[in-house]
Amino acid sequence: VPSGRRITGQCYLRDLYPTIGELTSVPVAPGVDGRSLAPLLRGEATEVYPFTVGYFRDVQRMIRTDRWKLIAYPKIGRWQLFDLRDDPAELDDLSMKPERQTDLAELRGKLIEWQRQNRDTVTLPALAKVNPPEPSRPTQ
């Protein structure tokens, strides 16, 4: 990686093996569940995955894009949504903000599709009912 260049593509730990294999011309064993990050390192791509997913037993599921992080806690029926661009420290949970419900639902849909493709049977919590913002009234 050239000095001063920052690479921001998302990846998994399992991507290191195919990356090192490609960079050293060592064949990667068949069936390895990972992708080479070499195209990112060479500047030939800006992403390897449109999103990444994290999970812990039946307690937590998470989906992360370049901007958003959505976390589900199935056992307690809770969600958290963070805007990583404006809040990289994840201090402001936006999951109950009416103006973020479309983003939350879109990410939840992607997470459900990932679960289907990966045979993950954990049931995600329903989305909370959030009241739309009050329309602003003109001042006299």
N, C-alpha and C. Protein backbone atom coordinates (compact mmCIF):
# COMPACT_ATOMS: atom_id res chain seq x y z
N VAL A 1 0.86 -1.17 0.00
CA VAL A 1 0.00 0.00 0.00
C VAL A 1 0.91 1.23 0.00
N PRO A 2 0.71 2.11 -0.97
CA PRO A 2 1.54 3.32 -1.00
C PRO A 2 1.41 4.12 0.29
N SER A 3 2.51 4.74 0.70
CA SER A 3 2.53 5.54 1.91
C SER A 3 1.50 6.65 1.83
N GLY A 4 0.74 6.84 2.89
CA GLY A 4 -0.25 7.90 2.95
C GLY A 4 -1.60 7.52 2.37
N ARG A 5 -1.69 6.39 1.70
CA ARG A 5 -2.96 5.97 1.11
C ARG A 5 -3.76 5.19 2.14
N ARG A 6 -5.02 5.51 2.25
CA ARG A 6 -5.90 4.82 3.20
C ARG A 6 -6.90 3.98 2.43
N ILE A 7 -7.05 2.74 2.85
CA ILE A 7 -8.00 1.82 2.22
C ILE A 7 -9.14 1.62 3.19
N THR A 8 -10.38 1.82 2.72
CA THR A 8 -11.51 1.78 3.62
C THR A 8 -12.49 0.64 3.31
N GLY A 9 -12.18 -0.23 2.39
CA GLY A 9 -13.08 -1.33 2.07
C GLY A 9 -13.29 -2.25 3.27
N GLN A 10 -14.52 -2.71 3.42
CA GLN A 10 -14.84 -3.61 4.52
C GLN A 10 -14.34 -5.01 4.20
N CYS A 11 -14.00 -5.74 5.26
CA CYS A 11 -13.51 -7.10 5.04
C CYS A 11 -13.75 -7.93 6.29
N TYR A 12 -13.49 -9.20 6.13
CA TYR A 12 -13.56 -10.17 7.23
C TYR A 12 -12.15 -10.68 7.49
N LEU A 13 -11.91 -11.18 8.68
CA LEU A 13 -10.63 -11.79 9.02
C LEU A 13 -10.31 -12.94 8.06
N ARG A 14 -11.33 -13.69 7.65
CA ARG A 14 -11.13 -14.83 6.75
C ARG A 14 -10.63 -14.42 5.36
N ASP A 15 -10.62 -13.13 5.06
CA ASP A 15 -10.12 -12.65 3.76
C ASP A 15 -8.59 -12.57 3.73
N LEU A 16 -7.95 -12.63 4.87
CA LEU A 16 -6.48 -12.52 4.90
C LEU A 16 -5.80 -13.67 4.17
N TYR A 17 -6.27 -14.89 4.37
CA TYR A 17 -5.65 -16.05 3.72
C TYR A 17 -5.68 -15.94 2.20
N PRO A 18 -6.84 -15.70 1.55
CA PRO A 18 -6.81 -15.57 0.10
C PRO A 18 -6.03 -14.33 -0.39
N THR A 19 -5.99 -13.28 0.43
CA THR A 19 -5.23 -12.08 0.06
C THR A 19 -3.74 -12.40 0.04
N ILE A 20 -3.25 -12.99 1.10
CA ILE A 20 -1.82 -13.34 1.16
C ILE A 20 -1.48 -14.35 0.08
N GLY A 21 -2.38 -15.30 -0.15
CA GLY A 21 -2.16 -16.27 -1.22
C GLY A 21 -2.00 -15.60 -2.57
N GLU A 22 -2.89 -14.66 -2.88
CA GLU A 22 -2.78 -13.97 -4.17
C GLU A 22 -1.52 -13.12 -4.25
N LEU A 23 -1.19 -12.42 -3.19
CA LEU A 23 -0.03 -11.54 -3.21
C LEU A 23 1.29 -12.30 -3.29
N THR A 24 1.29 -13.54 -2.82
CA THR A 24 2.53 -14.34 -2.84
C THR A 24 2.50 -15.45 -3.88
N SER A 25 1.44 -15.46 -4.70
CA SER A 25 1.27 -16.48 -5.74
C SER A 25 1.21 -17.91 -5.18
N VAL A 26 0.70 -18.03 -3.96
CA VAL A 26 0.50 -19.35 -3.34
C VAL A 26 -0.96 -19.72 -3.54
N PRO A 27 -1.22 -20.90 -4.13
CA PRO A 27 -2.62 -21.28 -4.36
C PRO A 27 -3.39 -21.40 -3.05
N VAL A 28 -4.63 -20.95 -3.09
CA VAL A 28 -5.52 -21.02 -1.93
C VAL A 28 -6.31 -22.32 -2.02
N ALA A 29 -6.43 -23.00 -0.90
CA ALA A 29 -7.14 -24.28 -0.85
C ALA A 29 -8.58 -24.10 -1.32
N PRO A 30 -9.11 -25.08 -2.03
CA PRO A 30 -10.51 -25.01 -2.46
C PRO A 30 -11.46 -24.94 -1.25
N GLY A 31 -12.56 -24.24 -1.42
CA GLY A 31 -13.57 -24.15 -0.37
C GLY A 31 -13.32 -23.09 0.67
N VAL A 32 -12.26 -22.30 0.52
CA VAL A 32 -11.99 -21.25 1.49
C VAL A 32 -13.07 -20.18 1.38
N ASP A 33 -13.66 -19.82 2.50
CA ASP A 33 -14.73 -18.84 2.53
C ASP A 33 -14.14 -17.46 2.81
N GLY A 34 -13.54 -16.88 1.82
CA GLY A 34 -12.95 -15.56 1.95
C GLY A 34 -12.62 -15.04 0.57
N ARG A 35 -12.42 -13.74 0.47
CA ARG A 35 -12.11 -13.10 -0.81
C ARG A 35 -10.78 -12.35 -0.68
N SER A 36 -10.07 -12.32 -1.76
CA SER A 36 -8.80 -11.60 -1.76
C SER A 36 -9.05 -10.09 -1.72
N LEU A 37 -8.29 -9.42 -0.90
CA LEU A 37 -8.35 -7.96 -0.80
C LEU A 37 -7.30 -7.30 -1.69
N ALA A 38 -6.58 -8.10 -2.45
CA ALA A 38 -5.53 -7.56 -3.32
C ALA A 38 -6.04 -6.49 -4.27
N PRO A 39 -7.24 -6.62 -4.87
CA PRO A 39 -7.71 -5.53 -5.74
C PRO A 39 -7.84 -4.19 -5.00
N LEU A 40 -8.21 -4.21 -3.73
CA LEU A 40 -8.24 -2.98 -2.94
C LEU A 40 -6.84 -2.41 -2.76
N LEU A 41 -5.90 -3.30 -2.43
CA LEU A 41 -4.52 -2.86 -2.19
C LEU A 41 -3.88 -2.27 -3.44
N ARG A 42 -4.25 -2.82 -4.61
CA ARG A 42 -3.68 -2.34 -5.88
C ARG A 42 -4.44 -1.14 -6.44
N GLY A 43 -5.52 -0.73 -5.77
CA GLY A 43 -6.30 0.40 -6.25
C GLY A 43 -7.21 0.05 -7.41
N GLU A 44 -7.48 -1.23 -7.62
CA GLU A 44 -8.33 -1.68 -8.72
C GLU A 44 -9.80 -1.77 -8.33
N ALA A 45 -10.10 -1.65 -7.05
CA ALA A 45 -11.47 -1.72 -6.55
C ALA A 45 -11.59 -0.84 -5.31
N THR A 46 -12.82 -0.42 -5.03
CA THR A 46 -13.06 0.38 -3.82
C THR A 46 -13.78 -0.43 -2.75
N GLU A 47 -14.31 -1.59 -3.13
CA GLU A 47 -14.95 -2.46 -2.15
C GLU A 47 -14.89 -3.91 -2.60
N VAL A 48 -14.91 -4.79 -1.64
CA VAL A 48 -14.99 -6.22 -1.90
C VAL A 48 -16.39 -6.71 -1.55
N TYR A 49 -16.99 -6.09 -0.55
CA TYR A 49 -18.34 -6.42 -0.09
C TYR A 49 -19.15 -5.13 0.00
N PRO A 50 -20.42 -5.15 -0.40
CA PRO A 50 -21.25 -3.95 -0.20
C PRO A 50 -21.62 -3.76 1.27
N PHE A 51 -21.55 -4.85 2.04
CA PHE A 51 -21.78 -4.79 3.48
C PHE A 51 -21.14 -6.01 4.12
N THR A 52 -20.91 -5.91 5.43
CA THR A 52 -20.43 -7.05 6.19
C THR A 52 -21.45 -7.33 7.30
N VAL A 53 -21.42 -8.57 7.78
CA VAL A 53 -22.36 -9.02 8.80
C VAL A 53 -21.56 -9.63 9.95
N GLY A 54 -21.98 -9.32 11.15
CA GLY A 54 -21.41 -9.93 12.34
C GLY A 54 -22.51 -10.59 13.15
N TYR A 55 -22.15 -11.58 13.91
CA TYR A 55 -23.15 -12.31 14.69
C TYR A 55 -22.49 -12.97 15.89
N PHE A 56 -23.29 -13.11 16.93
CA PHE A 56 -22.83 -13.82 18.13
C PHE A 56 -23.99 -14.67 18.63
N ARG A 57 -23.81 -15.97 18.52
CA ARG A 57 -24.80 -16.94 18.95
C ARG A 57 -26.20 -16.49 18.54
N ASP A 58 -27.18 -16.60 19.44
CA ASP A 58 -28.53 -16.13 19.13
C ASP A 58 -28.81 -14.79 19.82
N VAL A 59 -27.74 -14.09 20.19
CA VAL A 59 -27.85 -12.88 20.99
C VAL A 59 -27.76 -11.60 20.16
N GLN A 60 -27.02 -11.63 19.06
CA GLN A 60 -26.77 -10.39 18.33
C GLN A 60 -26.56 -10.67 16.85
N ARG A 61 -27.05 -9.76 16.02
CA ARG A 61 -26.77 -9.74 14.58
C ARG A 61 -26.47 -8.29 14.21
N MET A 62 -25.54 -8.10 13.28
CA MET A 62 -25.13 -6.76 12.89
C MET A 62 -24.87 -6.73 11.40
N ILE A 63 -25.28 -5.63 10.75
CA ILE A 63 -24.94 -5.39 9.37
C ILE A 63 -24.32 -4.01 9.29
N ARG A 64 -23.23 -3.92 8.50
CA ARG A 64 -22.49 -2.65 8.40
C ARG A 64 -22.23 -2.35 6.94
N THR A 65 -22.59 -1.14 6.53
CA THR A 65 -22.23 -0.65 5.20
C THR A 65 -21.13 0.39 5.39
N ASP A 66 -20.76 1.06 4.32
CA ASP A 66 -19.73 2.09 4.48
C ASP A 66 -20.22 3.24 5.37
N ARG A 67 -21.54 3.46 5.45
CA ARG A 67 -22.07 4.55 6.26
C ARG A 67 -22.81 4.09 7.52
N TRP A 68 -23.58 3.02 7.43
CA TRP A 68 -24.50 2.64 8.50
C TRP A 68 -24.08 1.36 9.22
N LYS A 69 -24.46 1.29 10.49
CA LYS A 69 -24.33 0.06 11.27
C LYS A 69 -25.65 -0.17 11.98
N LEU A 70 -26.25 -1.33 11.71
CA LEU A 70 -27.50 -1.72 12.34
C LEU A 70 -27.24 -2.96 13.17
N ILE A 71 -27.63 -2.91 14.43
CA ILE A 71 -27.42 -4.03 15.34
C ILE A 71 -28.78 -4.49 15.86
N ALA A 72 -29.01 -5.80 15.81
CA ALA A 72 -30.22 -6.39 16.36
C ALA A 72 -29.87 -7.22 17.58
N TYR A 73 -30.71 -7.13 18.59
CA TYR A 73 -30.59 -7.93 19.80
C TYR A 73 -31.88 -8.74 19.94
N PRO A 74 -31.93 -9.93 19.31
CA PRO A 74 -33.18 -10.70 19.25
C PRO A 74 -33.76 -11.06 20.61
N LYS A 75 -32.94 -11.37 21.59
CA LYS A 75 -33.46 -11.83 22.88
C LYS A 75 -34.16 -10.72 23.67
N ILE A 76 -33.81 -9.47 23.40
CA ILE A 76 -34.46 -8.37 24.13
C ILE A 76 -35.30 -7.50 23.20
N GLY A 77 -35.41 -7.89 21.92
CA GLY A 77 -36.26 -7.16 20.99
C GLY A 77 -35.83 -5.73 20.74
N ARG A 78 -34.54 -5.53 20.61
CA ARG A 78 -33.98 -4.17 20.50
C ARG A 78 -33.13 -4.01 19.25
N TRP A 79 -33.13 -2.79 18.70
CA TRP A 79 -32.29 -2.41 17.56
C TRP A 79 -31.45 -1.21 17.96
N GLN A 80 -30.30 -1.06 17.29
CA GLN A 80 -29.51 0.16 17.35
C GLN A 80 -29.09 0.49 15.92
N LEU A 81 -29.12 1.78 15.59
CA LEU A 81 -28.69 2.24 14.27
C LEU A 81 -27.74 3.41 14.46
N PHE A 82 -26.58 3.31 13.80
CA PHE A 82 -25.58 4.37 13.90
C PHE A 82 -25.17 4.84 12.52
N ASP A 83 -24.98 6.15 12.40
CA ASP A 83 -24.45 6.76 11.18
C ASP A 83 -22.95 6.89 11.37
N LEU A 84 -22.20 5.98 10.78
CA LEU A 84 -20.75 5.93 11.00
C LEU A 84 -20.01 7.11 10.38
N ARG A 85 -20.62 7.75 9.40
CA ARG A 85 -19.99 8.93 8.80
C ARG A 85 -20.02 10.10 9.77
N ASP A 86 -21.19 10.33 10.40
CA ASP A 86 -21.34 11.48 11.31
C ASP A 86 -21.07 11.14 12.77
N ASP A 87 -21.07 9.85 13.10
CA ASP A 87 -20.92 9.41 14.49
C ASP A 87 -20.05 8.15 14.54
N PRO A 88 -18.76 8.25 14.19
CA PRO A 88 -17.92 7.05 14.13
C PRO A 88 -17.73 6.37 15.49
N ALA A 89 -17.95 7.09 16.58
CA ALA A 89 -17.82 6.49 17.91
C ALA A 89 -19.10 5.77 18.35
N GLU A 90 -20.13 5.81 17.53
CA GLU A 90 -21.40 5.13 17.80
C GLU A 90 -22.00 5.55 19.14
N LEU A 91 -22.18 6.85 19.30
CA LEU A 91 -22.73 7.39 20.54
C LEU A 91 -24.20 7.75 20.42
N ASP A 92 -24.68 7.99 19.20
CA ASP A 92 -26.04 8.47 18.98
C ASP A 92 -26.87 7.40 18.26
N ASP A 93 -27.68 6.66 19.01
CA ASP A 93 -28.53 5.63 18.44
C ASP A 93 -29.70 6.29 17.72
N LEU A 94 -29.79 6.06 16.42
CA LEU A 94 -30.82 6.68 15.58
C LEU A 94 -32.02 5.77 15.33
N SER A 95 -32.07 4.62 15.98
CA SER A 95 -33.09 3.62 15.65
C SER A 95 -34.53 4.08 15.90
N MET A 96 -34.74 5.05 16.76
CA MET A 96 -36.10 5.52 17.05
C MET A 96 -36.40 6.86 16.39
N LYS A 97 -35.50 7.35 15.56
CA LYS A 97 -35.73 8.62 14.88
C LYS A 97 -36.64 8.38 13.68
N PRO A 98 -37.76 9.08 13.58
CA PRO A 98 -38.67 8.87 12.45
C PRO A 98 -37.99 9.03 11.09
N GLU A 99 -37.09 9.96 10.97
CA GLU A 99 -36.44 10.22 9.68
C GLU A 99 -35.42 9.14 9.29
N ARG A 100 -35.13 8.20 10.16
CA ARG A 100 -34.18 7.13 9.87
C ARG A 100 -34.86 5.78 9.68
N GLN A 101 -36.19 5.72 9.74
CA GLN A 101 -36.89 4.45 9.65
C GLN A 101 -36.73 3.77 8.29
N THR A 102 -36.63 4.55 7.24
CA THR A 102 -36.42 3.96 5.91
C THR A 102 -35.05 3.31 5.83
N ASP A 103 -34.03 3.97 6.37
CA ASP A 103 -32.68 3.39 6.39
C ASP A 103 -32.65 2.12 7.22
N LEU A 104 -33.30 2.15 8.38
CA LEU A 104 -33.33 0.99 9.26
C LEU A 104 -34.03 -0.19 8.56
N ALA A 105 -35.17 0.07 7.95
CA ALA A 105 -35.92 -1.00 7.27
C ALA A 105 -35.13 -1.58 6.10
N GLU A 106 -34.42 -0.73 5.36
CA GLU A 106 -33.62 -1.21 4.23
C GLU A 106 -32.48 -2.12 4.71
N LEU A 107 -31.79 -1.69 5.76
CA LEU A 107 -30.71 -2.51 6.31
C LEU A 107 -31.26 -3.81 6.90
N ARG A 108 -32.38 -3.74 7.59
CA ARG A 108 -33.00 -4.94 8.15
C ARG A 108 -33.34 -5.93 7.04
N GLY A 109 -33.85 -5.42 5.92
CA GLY A 109 -34.16 -6.28 4.77
C GLY A 109 -32.91 -6.98 4.23
N LYS A 110 -31.81 -6.25 4.14
CA LYS A 110 -30.54 -6.85 3.68
C LYS A 110 -30.06 -7.92 4.66
N LEU A 111 -30.22 -7.64 5.95
CA LEU A 111 -29.81 -8.60 6.97
C LEU A 111 -30.67 -9.86 6.90
N ILE A 112 -31.97 -9.70 6.72
CA ILE A 112 -32.86 -10.85 6.59
C ILE A 112 -32.50 -11.67 5.35
N GLU A 113 -32.19 -11.02 4.26
CA GLU A 113 -31.79 -11.74 3.03
C GLU A 113 -30.48 -12.48 3.27
N TRP A 114 -29.52 -11.84 3.96
CA TRP A 114 -28.27 -12.53 4.30
C TRP A 114 -28.57 -13.76 5.16
N GLN A 115 -29.46 -13.62 6.13
CA GLN A 115 -29.82 -14.76 6.98
C GLN A 115 -30.38 -15.90 6.14
N ARG A 116 -31.27 -15.56 5.21
CA ARG A 116 -31.86 -16.59 4.34
C ARG A 116 -30.78 -17.31 3.55
N GLN A 117 -29.87 -16.56 2.94
CA GLN A 117 -28.82 -17.15 2.12
C GLN A 117 -27.85 -17.99 2.94
N ASN A 118 -27.70 -17.66 4.21
CA ASN A 118 -26.73 -18.36 5.06
C ASN A 118 -27.40 -19.31 6.06
N ARG A 119 -28.67 -19.55 5.88
CA ARG A 119 -29.44 -20.47 6.73
C ARG A 119 -29.35 -20.12 8.22
N ASP A 120 -29.38 -18.83 8.49
CA ASP A 120 -29.37 -18.33 9.87
C ASP A 120 -30.82 -18.26 10.34
N THR A 121 -31.17 -19.05 11.33
CA THR A 121 -32.57 -19.16 11.76
C THR A 121 -32.95 -18.27 12.93
N VAL A 122 -32.06 -17.41 13.38
CA VAL A 122 -32.39 -16.50 14.47
C VAL A 122 -33.45 -15.51 13.99
N THR A 123 -34.51 -15.37 14.76
CA THR A 123 -35.59 -14.44 14.41
C THR A 123 -35.24 -13.04 14.89
N LEU A 124 -35.21 -12.11 13.94
CA LEU A 124 -34.90 -10.73 14.29
C LEU A 124 -36.11 -10.06 14.92
N PRO A 125 -35.88 -9.07 15.77
CA PRO A 125 -37.01 -8.37 16.39
C PRO A 125 -37.82 -7.60 15.34
N ALA A 126 -39.09 -7.39 15.66
CA ALA A 126 -39.92 -6.53 14.83
C ALA A 126 -39.42 -5.10 14.97
N LEU A 127 -39.75 -4.30 13.99
CA LEU A 127 -39.39 -2.89 14.09
C LEU A 127 -40.36 -2.19 15.04
N ALA A 128 -39.84 -1.29 15.84
CA ALA A 128 -40.67 -0.54 16.78
C ALA A 128 -41.56 0.43 16.01
N LYS A 129 -42.70 0.70 16.58
CA LYS A 129 -43.60 1.71 16.01
C LYS A 129 -43.04 3.08 16.39
N VAL A 130 -42.73 3.85 15.37
CA VAL A 130 -42.18 5.19 15.60
C VAL A 130 -43.13 6.19 15.00
N ASN A 131 -43.53 7.15 15.80
CA ASN A 131 -44.45 8.17 15.31
C ASN A 131 -43.74 9.11 14.35
N PRO A 132 -44.42 9.45 13.25
CA PRO A 132 -43.78 10.40 12.33
C PRO A 132 -43.64 11.77 13.01
N PRO A 133 -42.71 12.56 12.51
CA PRO A 133 -42.52 13.89 13.13
C PRO A 133 -43.76 14.74 12.93
N GLU A 134 -44.02 15.60 13.89
CA GLU A 134 -45.14 16.53 13.79
C GLU A 134 -44.86 17.51 12.65
N PRO A 135 -45.88 17.79 11.82
CA PRO A 135 -45.65 18.79 10.78
C PRO A 135 -45.41 20.15 11.41
N SER A 136 -44.51 20.89 10.82
CA SER A 136 -44.23 22.21 11.38
C SER A 136 -45.38 23.15 11.04
N ARG A 137 -45.69 24.01 11.98
CA ARG A 137 -46.78 24.98 11.80
C ARG A 137 -46.18 26.32 11.49
N PRO A 138 -46.78 27.02 10.53
CA PRO A 138 -46.23 28.34 10.22
C PRO A 138 -46.40 29.29 11.40
N THR A 139 -45.41 30.09 11.58
CA THR A 139 -45.48 31.08 12.68
C THR A 139 -46.10 32.35 12.15
N GLN A 140 -46.81 33.06 13.02
CA GLN A 140 -47.51 34.29 12.63
C GLN A 140 -46.64 35.49 12.84
